[in-house]
Amino acid sequence: MTTIAIIVVAELAYQAGLEILAANNVSDQGLIEYAIDGQFEIALANLKLDKKSSDKDLDAETETWNNKDIRQRTDGDVALTMRIFDEAGKLNLVRLVTGNEAQQLRAKEVFIRILDLFRDGIAEDKSKGGDLNQGEAEEVADRIIKYLKREGATGQVPKPKTLPASVPLLLDEIQFVDTKDNHMMDVLMVDLKVKDQVAPCLHRFVTVYGTQRVNVNSAPLVVLKALFSQSGDQSYAQAIIDRRRGQADTSSSSSVPAMSSSSGSSSGTTDAGAGNPFETVQGLVDGSVNGLTDDVLRKNGIDAAVELDVKSDVFGIRIQGATKRTQRDELYVVERAKAADGTVGFRFLLHQERTDPLLTTEEDTSAESTP
C-alpha cells in the first residue's frame, strides 16, 4: 500500500506541475501579446513622426524608425526585440510577372543575381542553408516565375485570382514552388545558423508589397549589387551605401561627401539624423558616388528614373516578445499615407505569427557601428 501511495502521489505531483506550467505559459502569452501590441504602437508612432516631421520627401535607414534605441526594451517580465524593414529596399517579385517582356527579363536577371549573392560565402550544402551557384539560382528563379504565372505547383493549395493576374498575396506563397528538392524553398525563406555563420533569408531582399522601385537609401548591399549586370561594376553598390551613410558636405554641391568605412546591409542600426541620403535618384550620378555615371548605369541596364526611388511608405515590422518560459513572434506589414491636412494614417497589409527566428547576420553586426 505504501508503494502504491507513493506512485499515486508522485503522479499527482507530476500532473500538478504540468498544469501549473501550462497555466504560467498561458499567462505569459497574454503578457507577451499585450507587450507586442505596445511595441507595435511604438513602431507606428516612429513611422508617423518620421512622415510628419520630415521636410524632405525621402526615406532612409538613418531615420527614427531604424534607430537602435527602439530596437529592444523590457516591458515587465517581457523582453521585446523589434526590427523595421523598408519594403521598398527590396526587389518586388511582382516585377517578374508584370510589365512588358523586356521589363520582366530585367527583373528576372536581377532576381537571379540576388539568389546567387544572398548567401555568398556560406560553404554548406544548399539544402542546409549554403550558397546557391549561378545555375541553381537560375533554376530556382525559373520555377518561381512558373509558379507566379500559375503554370506550375504541386498539392491541393489553391491559387487565388489577383488583379493584376499572377501577383502573389504574400511572400510566403512561393514556398509552394515545385523544386527538385521539396524542402528547398523552406530553407531559402528562413534565417539559418550554419556553423559560425548566419545564412540570411530571402525575406530580407525580396518583397511583394509597395511600388516596384528600389529605394537606394535603404536597399541592402545584396540588392544594390544585383542591380548591376556587370560584375566589375558591383563595387558601386558599396560606394552607394558609403555615400548615404557619409556626412553631407555643404561647402560645395559638387564636392564628394566623406564616406564611412563600414559595410553591410540597410538593416543595420544607425542613429536617426545621421548620414547623407539621396534626395533624388539623380544624386547617384552627381559625383558623390565616385565613378558612377549615366554611362555606367546604362551599361548595366539600370534606368534610374523607372527602377529606383528614394522613398517608401510600406514597412515590415517584426517583433519578438519573450519571457523566461515562452516567446512569440509577430510580423506586420503596413502602408503609410499622409493626408492633405498633414495627418498620417496606416493601412494594414499583413499580420501573422511567425515561427522562424530572425537572426543577427554579419552584415547587421558590422552596420551597428555606423555613426
Protein backbone atom coordinates (compact mmCIF):
# COMPACT_ATOMS: atom_id res chain seq x y z
CA MET A 1 0.00 0.00 0.00
CA THR A 2 2.84 2.39 0.79
CA THR A 3 4.41 1.75 -2.62
CA ILE A 4 1.11 2.32 -4.39
CA ALA A 5 0.50 5.50 -2.39
CA ILE A 6 3.97 6.85 -3.33
CA ILE A 7 3.32 6.16 -7.03
CA VAL A 8 -0.10 7.86 -6.89
CA VAL A 9 1.25 10.89 -5.04
CA ALA A 10 4.20 11.19 -7.48
CA GLU A 11 1.82 11.02 -10.45
CA LEU A 12 -0.45 13.65 -8.93
CA ALA A 13 2.54 15.91 -8.24
CA TYR A 14 3.76 15.48 -11.80
CA GLN A 15 0.35 16.31 -13.26
CA ALA A 16 0.03 19.31 -10.97
CA GLY A 17 3.43 20.54 -12.11
CA LEU A 18 2.40 20.24 -15.75
CA GLU A 19 -0.84 22.12 -15.11
CA ILE A 20 0.99 24.91 -13.29
CA LEU A 21 3.49 25.16 -16.17
CA ALA A 22 0.66 25.29 -18.71
CA ALA A 23 -1.13 27.95 -16.69
CA ASN A 24 2.05 30.02 -16.47
CA ASN A 25 2.57 29.69 -20.22
CA VAL A 26 -0.97 30.88 -20.91
CA SER A 27 -0.45 33.80 -18.54
CA ASP A 28 2.86 34.63 -20.21
CA GLN A 29 1.30 34.50 -23.67
CA GLY A 30 -1.23 37.09 -22.56
CA LEU A 31 1.53 39.34 -21.23
CA ILE A 32 3.54 38.89 -24.42
CA GLU A 33 0.60 39.73 -26.68
CA TYR A 34 -0.10 42.96 -24.81
CA ALA A 35 3.61 43.86 -24.80
CA ILE A 36 3.90 43.22 -28.56
CA ASP A 37 0.82 45.38 -29.16
CA GLY A 38 2.51 48.18 -27.23
CA GLN A 39 5.76 47.77 -29.17
CA PHE A 40 3.84 47.83 -32.43
CA GLU A 41 2.30 51.16 -31.44
CA ILE A 42 5.80 52.48 -30.76
CA ALA A 43 6.80 51.41 -34.29
CA LEU A 44 3.79 53.16 -35.81
CA ALA A 45 4.47 56.28 -33.75
CA ASN A 46 8.02 56.48 -35.07
CA LEU A 47 6.91 55.92 -38.66
CA LYS A 48 4.25 58.59 -38.20
CA LEU A 49 6.72 61.03 -36.62
CA ASP A 50 9.16 60.48 -39.46
CA LYS A 51 6.50 61.28 -42.06
CA LYS A 52 5.14 64.34 -40.26
CA SER A 53 8.44 65.90 -39.23
CA SER A 54 10.47 65.31 -42.38
CA ASP A 55 10.85 68.34 -44.64
CA LYS A 56 12.18 66.16 -47.46
CA ASP A 57 10.25 63.57 -49.43
CA LEU A 58 12.65 60.70 -48.84
CA ASP A 59 13.08 57.69 -46.58
CA ALA A 60 16.42 56.37 -45.40
CA GLU A 61 17.96 53.90 -42.98
CA THR A 62 19.17 56.84 -40.86
CA GLU A 63 15.67 57.90 -39.80
CA THR A 64 13.93 57.43 -36.46
CA TRP A 65 12.14 54.20 -37.40
CA ASN A 66 15.55 52.49 -37.72
CA ASN A 67 17.04 53.98 -34.56
CA LYS A 68 18.78 51.43 -32.34
CA ASP A 69 17.11 52.93 -29.26
CA ILE A 70 13.73 51.46 -30.21
CA ARG A 71 15.08 48.03 -31.15
CA GLN A 72 14.95 46.50 -27.69
CA ARG A 73 13.20 47.18 -24.41
CA THR A 74 11.67 45.35 -21.45
CA ASP A 75 8.01 45.56 -20.54
CA GLY A 76 7.61 43.98 -17.11
CA ASP A 77 8.67 40.35 -17.48
CA VAL A 78 8.64 40.53 -21.29
CA ALA A 79 11.81 41.18 -23.27
CA LEU A 80 10.96 42.80 -26.61
CA THR A 81 13.04 42.85 -29.80
CA MET A 82 11.90 44.72 -32.90
CA ARG A 83 13.13 45.26 -36.43
CA ILE A 84 11.57 47.51 -39.06
CA PHE A 85 12.32 46.81 -42.73
CA ASP A 86 11.71 49.19 -45.59
CA GLU A 87 9.90 47.01 -48.13
CA ALA A 88 10.96 49.40 -50.91
CA GLY A 89 14.57 48.49 -50.21
CA LYS A 90 13.88 45.05 -51.66
CA LEU A 91 13.20 43.67 -55.13
CA ASN A 92 9.46 43.42 -55.69
CA LEU A 93 8.69 39.99 -57.18
CA VAL A 94 5.63 41.46 -58.87
CA ARG A 95 8.11 42.76 -61.46
CA LEU A 96 8.72 39.17 -62.57
CA VAL A 97 5.19 38.81 -63.94
CA THR A 98 4.07 42.35 -64.83
CA GLY A 99 5.17 44.90 -67.40
CA ASN A 100 6.46 44.20 -70.89
CA GLU A 101 8.79 41.36 -71.86
CA ALA A 102 11.95 43.45 -71.53
CA GLN A 103 10.96 44.63 -68.03
CA GLN A 104 10.21 41.08 -66.90
CA LEU A 105 13.53 39.87 -68.28
CA ARG A 106 15.38 42.64 -66.44
CA ALA A 107 13.60 41.74 -63.17
CA LYS A 108 14.46 38.08 -63.66
CA GLU A 109 18.15 38.86 -64.18
CA VAL A 110 18.23 40.96 -61.01
CA PHE A 111 16.42 38.23 -59.07
CA ILE A 112 18.87 35.56 -60.26
CA ARG A 113 21.76 37.70 -59.06
CA ILE A 114 20.09 38.10 -55.65
CA LEU A 115 19.69 34.33 -55.39
CA ASP A 116 23.32 33.91 -56.39
CA LEU A 117 24.61 36.54 -53.94
CA PHE A 118 22.43 36.50 -50.83
CA ARG A 119 24.22 33.55 -49.18
CA ASP A 120 27.58 34.14 -50.77
CA GLY A 121 30.37 32.67 -48.67
CA ILE A 122 28.19 30.18 -46.78
CA ALA A 123 30.15 26.99 -47.52
CA GLU A 124 27.46 24.42 -46.85
CA ASP A 125 25.07 22.17 -48.74
CA LYS A 126 22.38 24.39 -50.29
CA SER A 127 19.70 22.19 -48.72
CA LYS A 128 21.10 23.23 -45.32
CA GLY A 129 21.46 26.95 -45.98
CA GLY A 130 24.50 27.01 -48.25
CA ASP A 131 25.25 29.30 -51.16
CA LEU A 132 23.46 28.76 -54.48
CA ASN A 133 25.59 28.78 -57.61
CA GLN A 134 24.58 30.56 -60.81
CA GLY A 135 22.91 27.50 -62.33
CA GLU A 136 20.93 26.73 -59.19
CA ALA A 137 19.86 30.36 -58.90
CA GLU A 138 18.58 30.31 -62.47
CA GLU A 139 16.64 27.11 -61.86
CA VAL A 140 15.00 28.43 -58.68
CA ALA A 141 14.11 31.71 -60.42
CA ASP A 142 12.56 29.85 -63.37
CA ARG A 143 10.44 27.70 -61.09
CA ILE A 144 9.28 30.69 -59.03
CA ILE A 145 8.27 32.56 -62.18
CA LYS A 146 6.46 29.49 -63.45
CA TYR A 147 4.56 29.30 -60.18
CA LEU A 148 3.73 33.02 -60.12
CA LYS A 149 2.32 32.72 -63.63
CA ARG A 150 0.13 29.90 -62.30
CA GLU A 151 1.80 27.41 -64.61
CA GLY A 152 3.12 25.04 -62.01
CA ALA A 153 2.54 23.92 -58.42
CA THR A 154 2.07 20.70 -56.51
CA GLY A 155 -0.53 19.65 -53.99
CA GLN A 156 -4.01 21.00 -53.44
CA VAL A 157 -3.07 24.56 -52.48
CA PRO A 158 -5.49 26.91 -54.29
CA LYS A 159 -4.08 29.69 -56.43
CA PRO A 160 -6.19 32.80 -55.78
CA LYS A 161 -7.05 35.12 -58.62
CA THR A 162 -5.48 38.53 -58.19
CA LEU A 163 -5.53 41.85 -60.02
CA PRO A 164 -3.21 42.20 -61.80
CA ALA A 165 -3.11 38.48 -62.55
CA SER A 166 -0.39 36.27 -61.04
CA VAL A 167 0.55 38.77 -58.31
CA PRO A 168 1.25 36.89 -55.05
CA LEU A 169 -0.74 37.88 -51.97
CA LEU A 170 2.19 37.32 -49.61
CA LEU A 171 5.82 36.36 -49.99
CA ASP A 172 5.47 33.03 -48.20
CA GLU A 173 3.30 31.86 -51.07
CA ILE A 174 6.42 30.96 -53.04
CA GLN A 175 7.14 28.20 -50.53
CA PHE A 176 4.70 26.15 -52.59
CA VAL A 177 7.00 26.33 -55.61
CA ASP A 178 7.82 22.92 -57.06
CA THR A 179 11.60 22.36 -56.93
CA LYS A 180 13.78 19.28 -57.31
CA ASP A 181 14.34 19.42 -53.56
CA ASN A 182 10.89 19.70 -51.96
CA HIS A 183 12.39 21.47 -48.93
CA MET A 184 14.48 23.98 -50.90
CA MET A 185 12.06 26.90 -50.61
CA ASP A 186 11.59 26.28 -46.88
CA VAL A 187 15.37 26.59 -46.49
CA LEU A 188 15.61 29.77 -48.57
CA MET A 189 12.80 31.56 -46.74
CA VAL A 190 14.23 31.48 -43.19
CA ASP A 191 17.37 32.63 -41.40
CA LEU A 192 19.55 29.62 -40.60
CA LYS A 193 22.51 29.14 -38.31
CA VAL A 194 25.26 27.43 -40.30
CA LYS A 195 28.20 26.60 -38.06
CA ASP A 196 29.53 30.03 -37.01
CA GLN A 197 27.66 31.97 -39.71
CA VAL A 198 24.09 33.06 -40.35
CA ALA A 199 22.53 32.26 -43.72
CA PRO A 200 20.08 35.15 -44.30
CA CYS A 201 16.57 34.54 -45.61
CA LEU A 202 15.05 35.81 -48.84
CA HIS A 203 12.61 37.92 -46.82
CA ARG A 204 15.45 40.41 -46.34
CA PHE A 205 15.91 41.01 -50.07
CA VAL A 206 12.60 40.45 -51.88
CA THR A 207 9.01 41.51 -51.26
CA VAL A 208 5.54 41.57 -52.81
CA TYR A 209 4.47 44.89 -51.27
CA GLY A 210 4.76 48.51 -52.28
CA THR A 211 5.87 50.03 -55.54
CA GLN A 212 8.11 48.23 -57.99
CA ARG A 213 11.01 50.61 -57.42
CA VAL A 214 14.03 50.00 -55.17
CA ASN A 215 14.81 52.66 -52.57
CA VAL A 216 18.56 53.30 -52.86
CA ASN A 217 18.53 54.90 -49.39
CA SER A 218 17.56 51.65 -47.66
CA ALA A 219 18.37 48.77 -50.04
CA PRO A 220 20.77 46.17 -48.61
CA LEU A 221 24.11 45.52 -50.23
CA VAL A 222 22.94 42.34 -51.98
CA VAL A 223 20.05 44.11 -53.71
CA LEU A 224 22.24 47.02 -54.82
CA LYS A 225 24.85 44.62 -56.19
CA ALA A 226 22.19 42.69 -58.07
CA LEU A 227 21.12 45.83 -59.93
CA PHE A 228 24.47 45.86 -61.74
CA SER A 229 24.65 43.34 -64.58
CA GLN A 230 28.42 43.81 -64.96
CA SER A 231 30.22 42.02 -62.12
CA GLY A 232 33.07 44.50 -62.33
CA ASP A 233 30.66 47.33 -61.54
CA GLN A 234 29.10 45.74 -58.46
CA SER A 235 31.57 47.59 -56.26
CA TYR A 236 29.44 50.69 -56.85
CA ALA A 237 26.86 49.10 -54.54
CA GLN A 238 29.14 49.52 -51.53
CA ALA A 239 30.02 53.02 -52.72
CA ILE A 240 26.32 53.91 -52.73
CA ILE A 241 25.99 52.68 -49.14
CA ASP A 242 29.11 54.57 -48.09
CA ARG A 243 27.73 57.75 -49.65
CA ARG A 244 24.33 57.52 -47.99
CA ARG A 245 25.99 56.82 -44.62
CA GLY A 246 28.58 59.53 -45.01
CA GLN A 247 28.42 63.09 -43.80
CA ALA A 248 26.96 65.70 -46.13
CA ASP A 249 29.43 68.30 -47.34
CA THR A 250 27.56 71.59 -47.66
CA SER A 251 30.60 73.61 -48.70
CA SER A 252 30.09 72.78 -52.38
CA SER A 253 27.37 70.95 -54.24
CA SER A 254 29.97 69.29 -56.45
CA SER A 255 32.25 68.04 -53.70
CA VAL A 256 32.25 64.42 -52.62
CA PRO A 257 30.96 63.76 -49.08
CA ALA A 258 33.08 61.94 -46.56
CA MET A 259 32.47 58.20 -46.71
CA SER A 260 32.02 55.70 -43.93
CA SER A 261 34.33 52.69 -43.91
CA SER A 262 31.61 50.38 -42.68
CA SER A 263 29.89 47.92 -44.98
CA GLY A 264 26.75 45.84 -44.87
CA SER A 265 23.04 46.00 -45.43
CA SER A 266 20.49 48.65 -44.69
CA SER A 267 19.04 46.51 -41.95
CA GLY A 268 21.83 47.64 -39.61
CA THR A 269 21.48 50.03 -36.71
CA THR A 270 22.04 53.71 -37.36
CA ASP A 271 21.39 56.85 -35.40
CA ALA A 272 18.49 58.98 -36.56
CA GLY A 273 19.53 62.11 -38.37
CA ALA A 274 23.00 60.88 -39.40
CA GLY A 275 24.13 60.12 -42.89
CA ASN A 276 23.70 61.72 -46.26
CA PRO A 277 20.79 60.00 -48.05
CA PHE A 278 20.00 60.65 -51.70
CA GLU A 279 17.29 63.28 -52.16
CA THR A 280 16.61 62.19 -55.75
CA VAL A 281 17.76 59.26 -57.89
CA GLN A 282 19.71 61.77 -59.98
CA GLY A 283 22.01 62.11 -56.97
CA LEU A 284 23.55 58.77 -57.88
CA VAL A 285 25.42 60.43 -60.74
CA ASP A 286 26.11 63.86 -59.27
CA GLY A 287 29.71 62.93 -58.44
CA SER A 288 29.12 61.96 -54.82
CA VAL A 289 29.48 58.26 -55.74
CA ASN A 290 32.95 58.25 -57.21
CA GLY A 291 32.98 56.99 -60.80
CA LEU A 292 29.26 56.31 -61.09
CA THR A 293 27.89 57.98 -64.20
CA ASP A 294 24.91 57.76 -66.51
CA ASP A 295 27.03 55.68 -68.89
CA VAL A 296 27.75 53.16 -66.13
CA LEU A 297 24.06 52.88 -65.29
CA ARG A 298 23.11 52.40 -68.93
CA LYS A 299 25.83 49.80 -69.43
CA ASN A 300 24.33 47.83 -66.53
CA GLY A 301 20.77 48.15 -67.80
CA ILE A 302 19.70 50.47 -64.95
CA ASP A 303 17.02 53.03 -65.76
CA ALA A 304 17.15 55.04 -62.55
CA ALA A 305 14.01 57.07 -63.28
CA VAL A 306 11.95 53.89 -63.73
CA GLU A 307 13.65 51.36 -61.49
CA LEU A 308 14.89 53.32 -58.48
CA ASP A 309 13.49 55.64 -55.82
CA VAL A 310 14.48 57.45 -52.63
CA LYS A 311 11.30 56.98 -50.62
CA SER A 312 8.90 54.40 -49.30
CA ASP A 313 5.66 54.12 -47.40
CA VAL A 314 5.45 50.35 -46.92
CA PHE A 315 7.24 48.79 -43.96
CA GLY A 316 7.57 45.32 -42.48
CA ILE A 317 7.66 45.23 -38.67
CA ARG A 318 8.96 42.11 -36.95
CA ILE A 319 8.51 41.92 -33.17
CA GLN A 320 9.51 39.16 -30.74
CA GLY A 321 8.29 39.05 -27.16
CA ALA A 322 9.80 36.55 -24.72
CA THR A 323 9.64 35.60 -21.06
CA LYS A 324 11.76 33.01 -19.27
CA ARG A 325 9.21 30.34 -20.19
CA THR A 326 7.92 31.12 -23.67
CA GLN A 327 8.06 33.52 -26.62
CA ARG A 328 6.04 34.77 -29.58
CA ASP A 329 6.99 36.37 -32.89
CA GLU A 330 4.70 38.64 -34.92
CA LEU A 331 5.10 40.13 -38.38
CA TYR A 332 3.18 43.19 -39.56
CA VAL A 333 3.27 44.94 -42.93
CA VAL A 334 1.78 48.43 -43.02
CA GLU A 335 1.35 51.10 -45.67
CA ARG A 336 1.76 54.69 -44.52
CA ALA A 337 -0.17 57.58 -46.03
CA LYS A 338 -0.20 61.34 -45.40
CA ALA A 339 -3.41 63.26 -45.96
CA ALA A 340 -3.64 66.79 -47.34
CA ASP A 341 -4.21 68.15 -43.83
CA GLY A 342 -0.93 66.63 -42.63
CA THR A 343 -2.38 63.71 -40.68
CA VAL A 344 -0.68 60.33 -41.12
CA GLY A 345 -2.52 57.03 -41.14
CA PHE A 346 -1.81 53.37 -41.89
CA ARG A 347 -3.33 50.58 -43.93
CA PHE A 348 -2.64 47.08 -42.60
CA LEU A 349 -1.47 44.70 -45.33
CA LEU A 350 -0.41 41.70 -43.25
CA HIS A 351 -0.37 40.40 -39.68
CA GLN A 352 0.83 36.89 -38.97
CA GLU A 353 2.53 34.87 -36.26
CA ARG A 354 5.99 33.66 -37.25
CA THR A 355 7.75 30.52 -36.11
CA ASP A 356 11.11 31.14 -37.80
CA PRO A 357 13.80 33.08 -35.92
CA LEU A 358 15.12 36.45 -37.05
CA LEU A 359 18.86 36.10 -36.53
CA THR A 360 21.59 38.73 -36.47
CA THR A 361 23.72 38.46 -39.59
CA GLU A 362 27.33 39.51 -40.04
CA GLU A 363 26.14 42.48 -42.09
CA ASP A 364 23.81 43.54 -39.28
CA THR A 365 26.65 43.44 -36.79
CA SER A 366 29.09 45.39 -38.97
CA ALA A 367 26.49 48.08 -39.58
CA GLU A 368 25.81 48.65 -35.88
CA SER A 369 28.92 50.82 -35.61
CA THR A 370 27.74 53.16 -38.37
CA PRO A 371 27.87 56.74 -36.99
